[in-house]
């Protein structure tokens, strides 16, 4: 499941973790992302903060299923 850190002000993706093994460190914490960019968004300069529970969004991945028509198989 991908994890994206996004600027609250302009929507710039600051860091994206897509899969295990992507890098040596694993999933970075919000404080690490904040320190990497010096506490400010590189695009708009907005001060980066630590997300609250209300800021975290979980999107479910849509599953695609194949529907087979039994009449065509007979």
PDB file of N, CA and C in Angstrom:
ATOM      1  N   UNK A   1       0.848  -1.165   0.000  1.00  0.00           N
ATOM      2  CA  UNK A   1       0.000   0.000   0.000  1.00  0.00           C
ATOM      3  C   UNK A   1       0.900   1.236   0.000  1.00  0.00           C
ATOM      4  N   UNK A   2       0.761   2.095  -1.004  1.00  0.00           N
ATOM      5  CA  UNK A   2       1.585   3.304  -1.062  1.00  0.00           C
ATOM      6  C   UNK A   2       1.263   4.277   0.070  1.00  0.00           C
ATOM      7  N   UNK A   3       2.296   4.961   0.527  1.00  0.00           N
ATOM      8  CA  UNK A   3       2.139   6.003   1.541  1.00  0.00           C
ATOM      9  C   UNK A   3       2.692   7.280   0.934  1.00  0.00           C
ATOM     10  N   UNK A   4       1.865   8.342   0.917  1.00  0.00           N
ATOM     11  CA  UNK A   4       2.293   9.620   0.351  1.00  0.00           C
ATOM     12  C   UNK A   4       2.256  10.688   1.422  1.00  0.00           C
ATOM     13  N   UNK A   5       3.310  11.485   1.467  1.00  0.00           N
ATOM     14  CA  UNK A   5       3.338  12.674   2.309  1.00  0.00           C
ATOM     15  C   UNK A   5       3.138  13.860   1.378  1.00  0.00           C
ATOM     16  N   UNK A   6       2.078  14.637   1.633  1.00  0.00           N
ATOM     17  CA  UNK A   6       1.673  15.719   0.743  1.00  0.00           C
ATOM     18  C   UNK A   6       1.603  17.022   1.523  1.00  0.00           C
ATOM     19  N   UNK A   7       2.009  18.126   0.884  1.00  0.00           N
ATOM     20  CA  UNK A   7       1.899  19.443   1.508  1.00  0.00           C
ATOM     21  C   UNK A   7       0.422  19.783   1.687  1.00  0.00           C
ATOM     22  N   UNK A   8       0.055  20.190   2.860  1.00  0.00           N
ATOM     23  CA  UNK A   8      -1.325  20.536   3.190  1.00  0.00           C
ATOM     24  C   UNK A   8      -1.788  21.785   2.428  1.00  0.00           C
ATOM     25  N   UNK A   9      -0.846  22.653   2.078  1.00  0.00           N
ATOM     26  CA  UNK A   9      -1.187  23.925   1.444  1.00  0.00           C
ATOM     27  C   UNK A   9      -1.313  23.815  -0.080  1.00  0.00           C
ATOM     28  N   UNK A  10      -0.290  23.273  -0.751  1.00  0.00           N
ATOM     29  CA  UNK A  10      -0.294  23.271  -2.220  1.00  0.00           C
ATOM     30  C   UNK A  10      -0.497  21.890  -2.842  1.00  0.00           C
ATOM     31  N   UNK A  11      -0.422  20.824  -2.045  1.00  0.00           N
ATOM     32  CA  UNK A  11      -0.656  19.477  -2.558  1.00  0.00           C
ATOM     33  C   UNK A  11       0.561  18.806  -3.191  1.00  0.00           C
ATOM     34  N   UNK A  12       1.729  19.407  -3.068  1.00  0.00           N
ATOM     35  CA  UNK A  12       2.948  18.809  -3.609  1.00  0.00           C
ATOM     36  C   UNK A  12       3.271  17.516  -2.867  1.00  0.00           C
ATOM     37  N   UNK A  13       3.585  16.465  -3.620  1.00  0.00           N
ATOM     38  CA  UNK A  13       3.980  15.198  -3.000  1.00  0.00           C
ATOM     39  C   UNK A  13       5.423  15.340  -2.528  1.00  0.00           C
ATOM     40  N   UNK A  14       5.614  15.256  -1.219  1.00  0.00           N
ATOM     41  CA  UNK A  14       6.941  15.414  -0.632  1.00  0.00           C
ATOM     42  C   UNK A  14       7.721  14.102  -0.633  1.00  0.00           C
ATOM     43  N   UNK A  15       7.021  12.997  -0.412  1.00  0.00           N
ATOM     44  CA  UNK A  15       7.676  11.686  -0.388  1.00  0.00           C
ATOM     45  C   UNK A  15       6.618  10.632  -0.667  1.00  0.00           C
ATOM     46  N   UNK A  16       7.012   9.603  -1.411  1.00  0.00           N
ATOM     47  CA  UNK A  16       6.079   8.521  -1.737  1.00  0.00           C
ATOM     48  C   UNK A  16       6.777   7.188  -1.482  1.00  0.00           C
ATOM     49  N   UNK A  17       6.197   6.375  -0.621  1.00  0.00           N
ATOM     50  CA  UNK A  17       6.716   5.038  -0.327  1.00  0.00           C
ATOM     51  C   UNK A  17       5.768   4.051  -0.983  1.00  0.00           C
ATOM     52  N   UNK A  18       6.258   3.319  -1.997  1.00  0.00           N
ATOM     53  CA  UNK A  18       5.375   2.456  -2.775  1.00  0.00           C
ATOM     54  C   UNK A  18       5.451   0.982  -2.425  1.00  0.00           C
ATOM     55  N   UNK A  19       6.628   0.500  -2.031  1.00  0.00           N
ATOM     56  CA  UNK A  19       6.736  -0.935  -1.756  1.00  0.00           C
ATOM     57  C   UNK A  19       7.888  -1.215  -0.801  1.00  0.00           C
ATOM     58  N   UNK A  20       7.819  -2.350  -0.150  1.00  0.00           N
ATOM     59  CA  UNK A  20       8.882  -2.784   0.752  1.00  0.00           C
ATOM     60  C   UNK A  20      10.125  -3.066  -0.084  1.00  0.00           C
ATOM     61  N   UNK A  21      11.268  -2.632   0.415  1.00  0.00           N
ATOM     62  CA  UNK A  21      12.507  -2.808  -0.322  1.00  0.00           C
ATOM     63  C   UNK A  21      12.832  -1.632  -1.223  1.00  0.00           C
ATOM     64  N   UNK A  22      11.974  -0.609  -1.212  1.00  0.00           N
ATOM     65  CA  UNK A  22      12.198   0.571  -2.046  1.00  0.00           C
ATOM     66  C   UNK A  22      13.498   1.261  -1.660  1.00  0.00           C
ATOM     67  N   UNK A  23      13.744   1.364  -0.378  1.00  0.00           N
ATOM     68  CA  UNK A  23      15.005   1.918   0.096  1.00  0.00           C
ATOM     69  C   UNK A  23      15.387   1.250   1.412  1.00  0.00           C
ATOM     70  N   UNK A  24      16.552   1.541   1.885  1.00  0.00           N
ATOM     71  CA  UNK A  24      17.100   0.890   3.073  1.00  0.00           C
ATOM     72  C   UNK A  24      16.334   1.244   4.344  1.00  0.00           C
ATOM     73  N   UNK A  25      15.788   2.444   4.425  1.00  0.00           N
ATOM     74  CA  UNK A  25      15.202   2.942   5.664  1.00  0.00           C
ATOM     75  C   UNK A  25      13.757   2.518   5.901  1.00  0.00           C
ATOM     76  N   UNK A  26      13.045   2.095   4.881  1.00  0.00           N
ATOM     77  CA  UNK A  26      11.634   1.745   5.040  1.00  0.00           C
ATOM     78  C   UNK A  26      10.765   2.988   5.039  1.00  0.00           C
ATOM     79  N   UNK A  27       9.619   2.904   5.686  1.00  0.00           N
ATOM     80  CA  UNK A  27       8.680   4.028   5.714  1.00  0.00           C
ATOM     81  C   UNK A  27       9.243   5.129   6.606  1.00  0.00           C
ATOM     82  N   UNK A  28       9.327   6.314   6.061  1.00  0.00           N
ATOM     83  CA  UNK A  28       9.825   7.454   6.846  1.00  0.00           C
ATOM     84  C   UNK A  28       8.693   8.032   7.677  1.00  0.00           C
ATOM     85  N   UNK A  29       9.045   8.569   8.828  1.00  0.00           N
ATOM     86  CA  UNK A  29       8.049   9.185   9.710  1.00  0.00           C
ATOM     87  C   UNK A  29       7.813  10.628   9.269  1.00  0.00           C
ATOM     88  N   UNK A  30       6.678  11.217   9.675  1.00  0.00           N
ATOM     89  CA  UNK A  30       6.425  12.626   9.342  1.00  0.00           C
ATOM     90  C   UNK A  30       7.537  13.556   9.827  1.00  0.00           C
ATOM     91  N   UNK A  31       8.132  13.272  10.993  1.00  0.00           N
ATOM     92  CA  UNK A  31       9.215  14.134  11.488  1.00  0.00           C
ATOM     93  C   UNK A  31      10.452  14.044  10.599  1.00  0.00           C
ATOM     94  N   UNK A  32      10.729  12.851  10.048  1.00  0.00           N
ATOM     95  CA  UNK A  32      11.866  12.708   9.136  1.00  0.00           C
ATOM     96  C   UNK A  32      11.633  13.500   7.852  1.00  0.00           C
ATOM     97  N   UNK A  33      10.430  13.429   7.326  1.00  0.00           N
ATOM     98  CA  UNK A  33      10.097  14.186   6.110  1.00  0.00           C
ATOM     99  C   UNK A  33      10.235  15.675   6.383  1.00  0.00           C
ATOM    100  N   UNK A  34       9.753  16.100   7.537  1.00  0.00           N
ATOM    101  CA  UNK A  34       9.847  17.518   7.917  1.00  0.00           C
ATOM    102  C   UNK A  34      11.307  17.956   7.991  1.00  0.00           C
ATOM    103  N   UNK A  35      12.168  17.135   8.586  1.00  0.00           N
ATOM    104  CA  UNK A  35      13.579  17.514   8.725  1.00  0.00           C
ATOM    105  C   UNK A  35      14.324  17.464   7.390  1.00  0.00           C
ATOM    106  N   UNK A  36      13.932  16.566   6.495  1.00  0.00           N
ATOM    107  CA  UNK A  36      14.564  16.486   5.174  1.00  0.00           C
ATOM    108  C   UNK A  36      14.397  17.808   4.420  1.00  0.00           C
ATOM    109  N   UNK A  37      13.210  18.404   4.524  1.00  0.00           N
ATOM    110  CA  UNK A  37      12.911  19.641   3.797  1.00  0.00           C
ATOM    111  C   UNK A  37      13.112  20.895   4.641  1.00  0.00           C
ATOM    112  N   UNK A  38      13.710  20.755   5.805  1.00  0.00           N
ATOM    113  CA  UNK A  38      13.976  21.923   6.639  1.00  0.00           C
ATOM    114  C   UNK A  38      12.725  22.544   7.234  1.00  0.00           C
ATOM    115  N   UNK A  39      11.663  21.742   7.353  1.00  0.00           N
ATOM    116  CA  UNK A  39      10.435  22.223   7.982  1.00  0.00           C
ATOM    117  C   UNK A  39       9.529  23.034   7.073  1.00  0.00           C
ATOM    118  N   UNK A  40       9.891  23.178   5.795  1.00  0.00           N
ATOM    119  CA  UNK A  40       9.091  23.972   4.854  1.00  0.00           C
ATOM    120  C   UNK A  40       8.896  23.213   3.545  1.00  0.00           C
ATOM    121  N   UNK A  41       7.740  23.435   2.917  1.00  0.00           N
ATOM    122  CA  UNK A  41       7.463  22.842   1.610  1.00  0.00           C
ATOM    123  C   UNK A  41       8.410  23.474   0.590  1.00  0.00           C
ATOM    124  N   UNK A  42       9.075  22.656  -0.240  1.00  0.00           N
ATOM    125  CA  UNK A  42      10.007  23.220  -1.216  1.00  0.00           C
ATOM    126  C   UNK A  42       9.316  24.026  -2.314  1.00  0.00           C
ATOM    127  N   UNK A  43       8.031  23.792  -2.526  1.00  0.00           N
ATOM    128  CA  UNK A  43       7.313  24.497  -3.598  1.00  0.00           C
ATOM    129  C   UNK A  43       6.711  25.812  -3.133  1.00  0.00           C
ATOM    130  N   UNK A  44       5.953  25.776  -2.023  1.00  0.00           N
ATOM    131  CA  UNK A  44       5.219  26.980  -1.606  1.00  0.00           C
ATOM    132  C   UNK A  44       5.790  27.639  -0.353  1.00  0.00           C
ATOM    133  N   UNK A  45       6.693  26.948   0.358  1.00  0.00           N
ATOM    134  CA  UNK A  45       7.299  27.527   1.550  1.00  0.00           C
ATOM    135  C   UNK A  45       6.450  27.429   2.805  1.00  0.00           C
ATOM    136  N   UNK A  46       5.307  26.750   2.719  1.00  0.00           N
ATOM    137  CA  UNK A  46       4.422  26.581   3.875  1.00  0.00           C
ATOM    138  C   UNK A  46       5.118  25.725   4.929  1.00  0.00           C
ATOM    139  N   UNK A  47       4.934  26.070   6.188  1.00  0.00           N
ATOM    140  CA  UNK A  47       5.552  25.302   7.269  1.00  0.00           C
ATOM    141  C   UNK A  47       4.913  23.923   7.355  1.00  0.00           C
ATOM    142  N   UNK A  48       5.757  22.898   7.388  1.00  0.00           N
ATOM    143  CA  UNK A  48       5.268  21.523   7.481  1.00  0.00           C
ATOM    144  C   UNK A  48       5.003  21.180   8.935  1.00  0.00           C
ATOM    145  N   UNK A  49       3.900  20.479   9.173  1.00  0.00           N
ATOM    146  CA  UNK A  49       3.554  20.075  10.525  1.00  0.00           C
ATOM    147  C   UNK A  49       3.402  18.569  10.605  1.00  0.00           C
ATOM    148  N   UNK A  50       3.147  18.081  11.789  1.00  0.00           N
ATOM    149  CA  UNK A  50       2.903  16.659  12.003  1.00  0.00           C
ATOM    150  C   UNK A  50       1.406  16.419  11.788  1.00  0.00           C
ATOM    151  N   UNK A  51       1.036  15.419  10.963  1.00  0.00           N
ATOM    152  CA  UNK A  51      -0.382  15.184  10.688  1.00  0.00           C
ATOM    153  C   UNK A  51      -1.146  14.688  11.915  1.00  0.00           C
ATOM    154  N   UNK A  52      -2.405  15.102  12.003  1.00  0.00           N
ATOM    155  CA  UNK A  52      -3.294  14.595  13.048  1.00  0.00           C
ATOM    156  C   UNK A  52      -4.045  13.391  12.480  1.00  0.00           C
ATOM    157  N   UNK A  53      -4.828  12.728  13.295  1.00  0.00           N
ATOM    158  CA  UNK A  53      -5.606  11.584  12.811  1.00  0.00           C
ATOM    159  C   UNK A  53      -6.598  11.995  11.730  1.00  0.00           C
ATOM    160  N   UNK A  54      -7.098  13.227  11.796  1.00  0.00           N
ATOM    161  CA  UNK A  54      -8.041  13.711  10.784  1.00  0.00           C
ATOM    162  C   UNK A  54      -7.365  13.960   9.437  1.00  0.00           C
ATOM    163  N   UNK A  55      -6.056  14.144   9.427  1.00  0.00           N
ATOM    164  CA  UNK A  55      -5.322  14.394   8.184  1.00  0.00           C
ATOM    165  C   UNK A  55      -5.021  13.109   7.416  1.00  0.00           C
ATOM    166  N   UNK A  56      -5.070  11.978   8.083  1.00  0.00           N
ATOM    167  CA  UNK A  56      -4.713  10.701   7.461  1.00  0.00           C
ATOM    168  C   UNK A  56      -5.904  10.177   6.670  1.00  0.00           C
ATOM    169  N   UNK A  57      -5.662   9.877   5.385  1.00  0.00           N
ATOM    170  CA  UNK A  57      -6.722   9.359   4.515  1.00  0.00           C
ATOM    171  C   UNK A  57      -6.325   7.968   4.041  1.00  0.00           C
ATOM    172  N   UNK A  58      -7.271   7.054   4.100  1.00  0.00           N
ATOM    173  CA  UNK A  58      -7.039   5.690   3.638  1.00  0.00           C
ATOM    174  C   UNK A  58      -7.975   5.440   2.466  1.00  0.00           C
ATOM    175  N   UNK A  59      -7.398   5.146   1.314  1.00  0.00           N
ATOM    176  CA  UNK A  59      -8.188   4.857   0.123  1.00  0.00           C
ATOM    177  C   UNK A  59      -8.082   3.372  -0.180  1.00  0.00           C
ATOM    178  N   UNK A  60      -9.215   2.727  -0.367  1.00  0.00           N
ATOM    179  CA  UNK A  60      -9.222   1.307  -0.680  1.00  0.00           C
ATOM    180  C   UNK A  60      -8.964   1.100  -2.164  1.00  0.00           C
ATOM    181  N   UNK A  61      -8.199   0.088  -2.457  1.00  0.00           N
ATOM    182  CA  UNK A  61      -7.903  -0.244  -3.838  1.00  0.00           C
ATOM    183  C   UNK A  61      -9.093  -0.999  -4.418  1.00  0.00           C
ATOM    184  N   UNK A  62      -9.514  -0.607  -5.607  1.00  0.00           N
ATOM    185  CA  UNK A  62     -10.649  -1.277  -6.242  1.00  0.00           C
ATOM    186  C   UNK A  62     -10.183  -2.606  -6.822  1.00  0.00           C
ATOM    187  N   UNK A  63     -10.945  -3.641  -6.546  1.00  0.00           N
ATOM    188  CA  UNK A  63     -10.623  -4.953  -7.095  1.00  0.00           C
ATOM    189  C   UNK A  63     -11.389  -5.134  -8.399  1.00  0.00           C
ATOM    190  N   UNK A  64     -10.717  -5.651  -9.387  1.00  0.00           N
ATOM    191  CA  UNK A  64     -11.390  -5.958 -10.639  1.00  0.00           C
ATOM    192  C   UNK A  64     -11.653  -7.455 -10.664  1.00  0.00           C
ATOM    193  N   UNK A  65     -12.827  -7.803 -11.026  1.00  0.00           N
ATOM    194  CA  UNK A  65     -13.175  -9.220 -11.089  1.00  0.00           C
ATOM    195  C   UNK A  65     -13.650  -9.551 -12.492  1.00  0.00           C
ATOM    196  N   UNK A  66     -13.332 -10.726 -12.904  1.00  0.00           N
ATOM    197  CA  UNK A  66     -13.783 -11.189 -14.210  1.00  0.00           C
ATOM    198  C   UNK A  66     -15.087 -11.946 -14.023  1.00  0.00           C
ATOM    199  N   UNK A  67     -16.041 -11.574 -14.806  1.00  0.00           N
ATOM    200  CA  UNK A  67     -17.333 -12.250 -14.753  1.00  0.00           C
ATOM    201  C   UNK A  67     -17.396 -13.198 -15.942  1.00  0.00           C
ATOM    202  N   UNK A  68     -17.580 -14.444 -15.635  1.00  0.00           N
ATOM    203  CA  UNK A  68     -17.657 -15.436 -16.704  1.00  0.00           C
ATOM    204  C   UNK A  68     -19.101 -15.856 -16.871  1.00  0.00           C
ATOM    205  N   UNK A  69     -19.533 -15.864 -18.080  1.00  0.00           N
ATOM    206  CA  UNK A  69     -20.897 -16.285 -18.375  1.00  0.00           C
ATOM    207  C   UNK A  69     -20.880 -17.796 -18.572  1.00  0.00           C
ATOM    208  N   UNK A  70     -21.606 -18.479 -17.704  1.00  0.00           N
ATOM    209  CA  UNK A  70     -21.601 -19.940 -17.744  1.00  0.00           C
ATOM    210  C   UNK A  70     -22.196 -20.479 -19.038  1.00  0.00           C
ATOM    211  N   UNK A  71     -23.139 -19.759 -19.611  1.00  0.00           N
ATOM    212  CA  UNK A  71     -23.771 -20.241 -20.837  1.00  0.00           C
ATOM    213  C   UNK A  71     -22.768 -20.316 -21.983  1.00  0.00           C
ATOM    214  N   UNK A  72     -21.800 -19.411 -22.020  1.00  0.00           N
ATOM    215  CA  UNK A  72     -20.822 -19.421 -23.102  1.00  0.00           C
ATOM    216  C   UNK A  72     -19.841 -20.574 -22.946  1.00  0.00           C
ATOM    217  N   UNK A  73     -19.643 -21.050 -21.730  1.00  0.00           N
ATOM    218  CA  UNK A  73     -18.711 -22.144 -21.497  1.00  0.00           C
ATOM    219  C   UNK A  73     -19.297 -23.502 -21.855  1.00  0.00           C
ATOM    220  N   UNK A  74     -20.594 -23.604 -21.930  1.00  0.00           N
ATOM    221  CA  UNK A  74     -21.239 -24.902 -22.209  1.00  0.00           C
ATOM    222  C   UNK A  74     -21.281 -25.219 -23.646  1.00  0.00           C
TER     223      UNK A  74
END
